[in-house]
Amino acid sequence: MKRITALFTVTLSLLLISTSISFAQTPPQYQQPAQTPGVTLFNVAGEIYELRGGRGANGGAYIGANGVVIIDAKQDEASVQQVIAEVRKLTNNPIVYVVSTHADGDHVFGNRFFPQSVTFVSHENCRKEFFVPNMRGDASDWNDPALAPFLPEITFRDRMDIYVGAKKIELWYFGVGHTTGDIVVYFPEEKVAFIGDQIFVGRTQLIHAYKGGNSFEHVATLTRMLETLDAQQFCSGHSDIVNRQQVQDHIKEMQAMQARVRSLMQKNMTREAIQQEFEEGEATLVGVIYDELQD
């Protein structure tokens, strides 16, 4: 009986090991993707909605009297089709603009799945960053000429307005921050701003140094935004909607982290030693701040 039990145990162990090895060797493209909640439209104010769920960052939609504006394009075809389906529940008017808050893939990869009749809009730096190699150094797939129709075809430098019927939507550039091309899409009547990845709540702020982002400029840019706009609600790519006080709190948190890194550097601590003084999830941002202070 003991021999049978031992044989069964060995066989089961070998089976589990074999299964684990087989799964580990399965190419990622054939593995079952994690379940993602479907896209929903959350009403922020009036005809302004936040696009939640699907693959990719939160975005936005304005349902105008004669057209629709989408803010950020999700990340895959299924999510874009869900966006279009949700919009169609509210209107049959065409999508006339897709505005990119910046060029990260989870905000712009979905451009290619919208109709070519759509006009794509971004800051001029954002368009340039479509072509920047990713953080691993891989070449951007936007170099493919077949994707040219889905690149921003209208860009601006400091400020621009777009209109859907009589509705004015303001596009503002306040400077370098998360990247060099982040903008604010502002609805002045409703005092609602879409700010992309210019603020994270509940997780550490990302600053893409490889795209020219800068943490100190990030603070200055958000400060200018608050000084210029009377926005009361701020919709971002990866956080719940926040108010002015929460943006101010974020600025103070960034400044406190910068001051602490500077203080530790004055003690001649190394980059790695300073990173160990912070929470594990803060290491990347601490490294960015350290490098900025070294320059």
Protein backbone atom coordinates (compact mmCIF):
# COMPACT_ATOMS: atom_id res chain seq x y z
CA MET A 1 0.00 0.00 0.00
CA LYS A 2 2.87 2.37 0.88
CA ARG A 3 4.49 1.63 -2.49
CA ILE A 4 1.26 2.50 -4.31
CA THR A 5 0.90 5.74 -2.35
CA ALA A 6 4.51 6.69 -3.00
CA LEU A 7 4.16 5.92 -6.71
CA PHE A 8 1.00 8.02 -6.92
CA THR A 9 2.74 10.91 -5.14
CA VAL A 10 5.73 10.81 -7.47
CA THR A 11 3.50 10.59 -10.56
CA LEU A 12 1.37 13.53 -9.39
CA SER A 13 4.47 15.61 -8.65
CA LEU A 14 5.90 14.89 -12.11
CA LEU A 15 2.59 15.81 -13.69
CA LEU A 16 2.46 19.13 -11.84
CA ILE A 17 6.07 19.92 -12.76
CA SER A 18 5.42 19.04 -16.40
CA THR A 19 2.30 21.21 -16.46
CA SER A 20 4.17 24.14 -14.88
CA ILE A 21 7.01 23.86 -17.39
CA SER A 22 4.58 23.59 -20.29
CA PHE A 23 2.70 26.70 -19.17
CA ALA A 24 5.89 28.65 -18.56
CA GLN A 25 7.05 27.84 -22.10
CA THR A 26 3.76 28.88 -23.68
CA PRO A 27 4.31 32.04 -25.74
CA PRO A 28 2.63 35.06 -24.09
CA GLN A 29 0.41 35.70 -27.11
CA TYR A 30 -1.28 32.33 -26.60
CA GLN A 31 -1.92 32.69 -22.90
CA GLN A 32 -5.37 33.72 -21.72
CA PRO A 33 -5.37 37.48 -21.07
CA ALA A 34 -6.50 38.79 -17.71
CA GLN A 35 -10.19 39.64 -17.57
CA THR A 36 -10.77 43.34 -18.23
CA PRO A 37 -14.00 45.14 -17.32
CA GLY A 38 -15.94 46.47 -20.29
CA VAL A 39 -16.00 50.13 -21.26
CA THR A 40 -18.60 52.29 -19.53
CA LEU A 41 -19.49 55.97 -19.81
CA PHE A 42 -19.58 57.83 -16.50
CA ASN A 43 -21.40 61.17 -16.66
CA VAL A 44 -19.16 63.90 -15.25
CA ALA A 45 -21.27 66.95 -16.12
CA GLY A 46 -23.71 67.89 -18.87
CA GLU A 47 -22.76 65.98 -22.02
CA ILE A 48 -19.25 65.18 -20.76
CA TYR A 49 -18.40 61.58 -19.89
CA GLU A 50 -15.41 59.71 -18.57
CA LEU A 51 -14.54 56.53 -20.44
CA ARG A 52 -13.81 53.83 -17.90
CA GLY A 53 -12.85 50.17 -18.29
CA GLY A 54 -11.55 48.33 -21.31
CA ARG A 55 -7.82 48.05 -22.01
CA GLY A 56 -6.01 51.32 -21.72
CA ALA A 57 -6.28 54.44 -19.62
CA ASN A 58 -9.42 56.31 -18.69
CA GLY A 59 -10.47 58.72 -21.39
CA GLY A 60 -13.35 61.04 -22.12
CA ALA A 61 -16.21 61.74 -24.49
CA TYR A 62 -18.19 64.86 -25.29
CA ILE A 63 -21.54 64.16 -26.95
CA GLY A 64 -22.19 67.26 -29.03
CA ALA A 65 -25.26 68.39 -30.95
CA ASN A 66 -23.66 67.48 -34.28
CA GLY A 67 -20.58 65.45 -33.38
CA VAL A 68 -18.62 63.59 -30.74
CA VAL A 69 -15.17 64.28 -29.31
CA ILE A 70 -13.16 61.39 -27.82
CA ILE A 71 -10.30 62.11 -25.43
CA ASP A 72 -7.68 59.33 -25.57
CA ALA A 73 -8.24 56.19 -27.58
CA LYS A 74 -7.82 53.13 -25.33
CA GLN A 75 -5.36 50.40 -26.23
CA ASP A 76 -6.92 47.68 -28.39
CA GLU A 77 -9.57 47.15 -31.03
CA ALA A 78 -12.09 45.49 -28.71
CA SER A 79 -11.98 48.45 -26.32
CA VAL A 80 -12.37 50.98 -29.15
CA GLN A 81 -15.38 49.07 -30.47
CA GLN A 82 -16.85 49.16 -26.96
CA VAL A 83 -16.27 52.92 -26.81
CA ILE A 84 -18.08 53.38 -30.11
CA ALA A 85 -20.92 51.10 -29.01
CA GLU A 86 -21.38 53.03 -25.75
CA VAL A 87 -21.40 56.35 -27.62
CA ARG A 88 -23.99 54.95 -30.06
CA LYS A 89 -26.34 54.36 -27.13
CA LEU A 90 -26.45 58.14 -26.67
CA THR A 91 -26.17 59.51 -30.21
CA ASN A 92 -25.82 58.61 -33.86
CA ASN A 93 -23.70 61.69 -34.50
CA PRO A 94 -20.26 60.93 -35.93
CA ILE A 95 -17.03 60.97 -33.94
CA VAL A 96 -15.31 64.03 -35.36
CA TYR A 97 -12.21 64.41 -33.15
CA VAL A 98 -9.94 62.12 -31.15
CA VAL A 99 -7.73 64.25 -28.90
CA SER A 100 -4.60 62.71 -27.36
CA THR A 101 -3.51 64.03 -23.96
CA HIS A 102 -0.05 62.51 -24.61
CA ALA A 103 1.57 59.70 -26.60
CA ASP A 104 1.71 56.73 -24.21
CA GLY A 105 0.44 53.53 -25.82
CA ASP A 106 -2.43 53.03 -23.38
CA HIS A 107 -3.80 56.38 -24.57
CA VAL A 108 -3.07 56.33 -28.31
CA PHE A 109 -2.65 52.75 -29.54
CA GLY A 110 -6.40 52.61 -30.20
CA ASN A 111 -6.23 55.49 -32.71
CA ARG A 112 -5.74 52.96 -35.49
CA PHE A 113 -9.14 51.38 -34.81
CA PHE A 114 -11.21 54.54 -35.29
CA PRO A 115 -12.64 55.47 -38.70
CA GLN A 116 -10.22 57.37 -40.93
CA SER A 117 -12.82 60.14 -41.15
CA VAL A 118 -11.87 61.13 -37.60
CA THR A 119 -9.52 64.10 -37.12
CA PHE A 120 -6.70 63.34 -34.66
CA VAL A 121 -5.43 66.21 -32.51
CA SER A 122 -2.51 66.60 -30.09
CA HIS A 123 0.26 68.92 -28.94
CA GLU A 124 3.16 69.17 -31.39
CA ASN A 125 5.51 67.47 -28.92
CA CYS A 126 3.03 64.66 -28.44
CA ARG A 127 3.04 63.92 -32.16
CA LYS A 128 6.84 63.75 -32.11
CA GLU A 129 6.68 61.31 -29.20
CA PHE A 130 4.56 58.88 -31.20
CA PHE A 131 7.87 58.03 -32.91
CA VAL A 132 10.08 57.79 -29.79
CA PRO A 133 11.40 54.27 -29.03
CA ASN A 134 9.82 52.73 -25.96
CA MET A 135 11.57 52.50 -22.60
CA ARG A 136 13.18 49.20 -23.67
CA GLY A 137 14.61 50.90 -26.74
CA ASP A 138 12.31 49.15 -29.24
CA ALA A 139 11.42 51.19 -32.33
CA SER A 140 7.95 52.71 -32.41
CA ASP A 141 5.46 50.91 -34.64
CA TRP A 142 4.12 54.35 -35.63
CA ASN A 143 7.00 54.46 -38.12
CA ASP A 144 4.86 52.12 -40.27
CA PRO A 145 3.48 54.27 -43.16
CA ALA A 146 0.21 52.31 -42.98
CA LEU A 147 -0.51 53.98 -39.62
CA ALA A 148 0.01 57.52 -40.92
CA PRO A 149 -3.76 58.22 -41.20
CA PHE A 150 -4.10 57.68 -37.44
CA LEU A 151 -1.39 60.10 -36.34
CA PRO A 152 -2.28 63.59 -35.07
CA GLU A 153 -3.00 65.69 -38.14
CA ILE A 154 -3.71 68.91 -36.23
CA THR A 155 -1.20 70.04 -33.60
CA PHE A 156 -0.71 73.20 -31.56
CA ARG A 157 1.99 74.82 -29.43
CA ASP A 158 0.43 76.75 -26.52
CA ARG A 159 -3.35 76.86 -26.84
CA MET A 160 -6.07 75.96 -29.28
CA ASP A 161 -9.87 75.78 -29.32
CA ILE A 162 -11.93 73.20 -31.15
CA TYR A 163 -15.66 73.54 -31.75
CA VAL A 164 -18.45 71.02 -32.01
CA GLY A 165 -21.34 73.13 -33.18
CA ALA A 166 -21.40 76.10 -30.80
CA LYS A 167 -19.52 74.20 -28.08
CA LYS A 168 -15.99 75.43 -27.42
CA ILE A 169 -13.44 72.99 -26.01
CA GLU A 170 -10.13 74.49 -24.91
CA LEU A 171 -6.81 72.71 -25.38
CA TRP A 172 -4.00 73.98 -23.15
CA TYR A 173 -0.29 73.24 -22.95
CA PHE A 174 1.30 74.29 -19.65
CA GLY A 175 4.73 72.74 -20.13
CA VAL A 176 6.82 69.61 -19.61
CA GLY A 177 5.72 67.12 -16.97
CA HIS A 178 4.90 63.44 -17.31
CA THR A 179 6.24 63.77 -20.88
CA THR A 180 7.00 66.81 -23.05
CA GLY A 181 3.63 66.67 -24.80
CA ASP A 182 0.92 66.46 -22.11
CA ILE A 183 -2.09 68.72 -22.56
CA VAL A 184 -5.23 69.66 -20.68
CA VAL A 185 -8.61 69.33 -22.42
CA TYR A 186 -10.82 71.88 -20.69
CA PHE A 187 -14.58 72.45 -20.73
CA PRO A 188 -14.91 75.96 -19.28
CA GLU A 189 -18.70 76.00 -18.88
CA GLU A 190 -18.68 72.81 -16.80
CA LYS A 191 -15.24 73.52 -15.24
CA VAL A 192 -14.10 70.00 -16.12
CA ALA A 193 -10.51 69.22 -17.18
CA PHE A 194 -9.08 66.01 -18.65
CA ILE A 195 -5.39 65.88 -17.77
CA GLY A 196 -4.21 62.42 -18.86
CA ASP A 197 -1.32 61.12 -16.75
CA GLN A 198 -0.41 64.43 -15.16
CA ILE A 199 -1.62 63.18 -11.79
CA PHE A 200 -1.74 59.79 -10.10
CA VAL A 201 -3.66 59.23 -6.88
CA GLY A 202 -3.03 56.18 -4.72
CA ARG A 203 0.12 55.26 -6.63
CA THR A 204 3.45 56.92 -7.37
CA GLN A 205 3.57 59.52 -10.13
CA LEU A 206 5.17 58.38 -13.38
CA ILE A 207 7.66 60.70 -15.03
CA HIS A 208 8.86 59.40 -18.41
CA ALA A 209 12.41 60.71 -18.50
CA TYR A 210 13.03 58.79 -21.74
CA LYS A 211 10.41 61.05 -23.33
CA GLY A 212 11.83 64.22 -21.79
CA GLY A 213 9.56 64.24 -18.74
CA ASN A 214 10.80 66.07 -15.65
CA SER A 215 9.48 65.96 -12.07
CA PHE A 216 10.33 69.58 -11.25
CA GLU A 217 8.71 70.81 -14.45
CA HIS A 218 5.76 68.57 -13.61
CA VAL A 219 5.22 70.54 -10.40
CA ALA A 220 5.55 73.86 -12.23
CA THR A 221 3.18 72.72 -14.99
CA LEU A 222 0.44 71.65 -12.57
CA THR A 223 0.87 74.91 -10.65
CA ARG A 224 0.38 76.91 -13.86
CA MET A 225 -2.69 74.84 -14.68
CA LEU A 226 -4.32 75.69 -11.34
CA GLU A 227 -3.40 79.34 -11.68
CA THR A 228 -4.85 79.57 -15.19
CA LEU A 229 -7.97 77.40 -15.16
CA ASP A 230 -10.98 77.52 -12.86
CA ALA A 231 -11.46 73.76 -13.23
CA GLN A 232 -13.18 72.03 -10.32
CA GLN A 233 -13.06 68.44 -11.56
CA PHE A 234 -9.93 66.80 -12.98
CA CYS A 235 -10.28 63.52 -14.90
CA SER A 236 -7.07 61.52 -15.23
CA GLY A 237 -5.89 58.38 -16.95
CA HIS A 238 -5.43 56.14 -13.93
CA SER A 239 -7.18 57.73 -10.95
CA ASP A 240 -10.61 58.67 -9.75
CA ILE A 241 -11.82 62.19 -10.55
CA VAL A 242 -10.12 64.67 -8.22
CA ASN A 243 -10.74 68.26 -7.13
CA ARG A 244 -8.44 71.29 -6.88
CA GLN A 245 -7.37 70.52 -3.32
CA GLN A 246 -6.29 67.01 -4.32
CA VAL A 247 -4.18 68.42 -7.15
CA GLN A 248 -2.59 70.85 -4.67
CA ASP A 249 -1.94 67.95 -2.28
CA HIS A 250 -0.26 66.03 -5.10
CA ILE A 251 2.01 68.99 -5.82
CA LYS A 252 3.01 69.18 -2.15
CA GLU A 253 3.73 65.43 -2.06
CA MET A 254 5.98 65.74 -5.09
CA GLN A 255 7.81 68.70 -3.56
CA ALA A 256 8.29 66.82 -0.28
CA MET A 257 9.79 63.84 -2.10
CA GLN A 258 12.11 66.10 -4.10
CA ALA A 259 13.26 67.86 -0.92
CA ARG A 260 13.93 64.54 0.81
CA VAL A 261 15.97 63.21 -2.12
CA ARG A 262 17.99 66.44 -2.18
CA SER A 263 18.62 66.17 1.57
CA LEU A 264 19.86 62.58 1.27
CA MET A 265 22.09 63.50 -1.67
CA GLN A 266 23.71 66.17 0.50
CA LYS A 267 24.79 63.29 2.76
CA ASN A 268 26.68 61.82 -0.22
CA MET A 269 24.39 58.79 -0.40
CA THR A 270 24.34 56.83 -3.65
CA ARG A 271 21.34 56.60 -5.95
CA GLU A 272 20.64 53.02 -4.87
CA ALA A 273 21.01 53.83 -1.16
CA ILE A 274 18.58 56.72 -1.47
CA GLN A 275 16.05 54.56 -3.29
CA GLN A 276 16.16 52.11 -0.39
CA GLU A 277 15.05 54.90 1.96
CA PHE A 278 11.69 55.02 0.17
CA GLU A 279 8.85 52.58 -0.42
CA GLU A 280 9.55 49.99 -3.11
CA GLY A 281 6.99 51.46 -5.50
CA GLU A 282 8.63 54.88 -5.26
CA ALA A 283 12.08 53.75 -6.43
CA THR A 284 11.63 54.72 -10.09
CA LEU A 285 10.45 58.25 -9.32
CA VAL A 286 13.20 58.67 -6.70
CA GLY A 287 15.74 57.64 -9.35
CA VAL A 288 14.33 60.19 -11.77
CA ILE A 289 14.53 62.96 -9.16
CA TYR A 290 18.09 61.93 -8.28
CA ASP A 291 19.16 62.11 -11.93
CA GLU A 292 17.52 65.53 -12.35
CA LEU A 293 19.36 66.88 -9.31
CA GLN A 294 22.64 65.50 -10.66
CA ASP A 295 22.33 67.51 -13.87
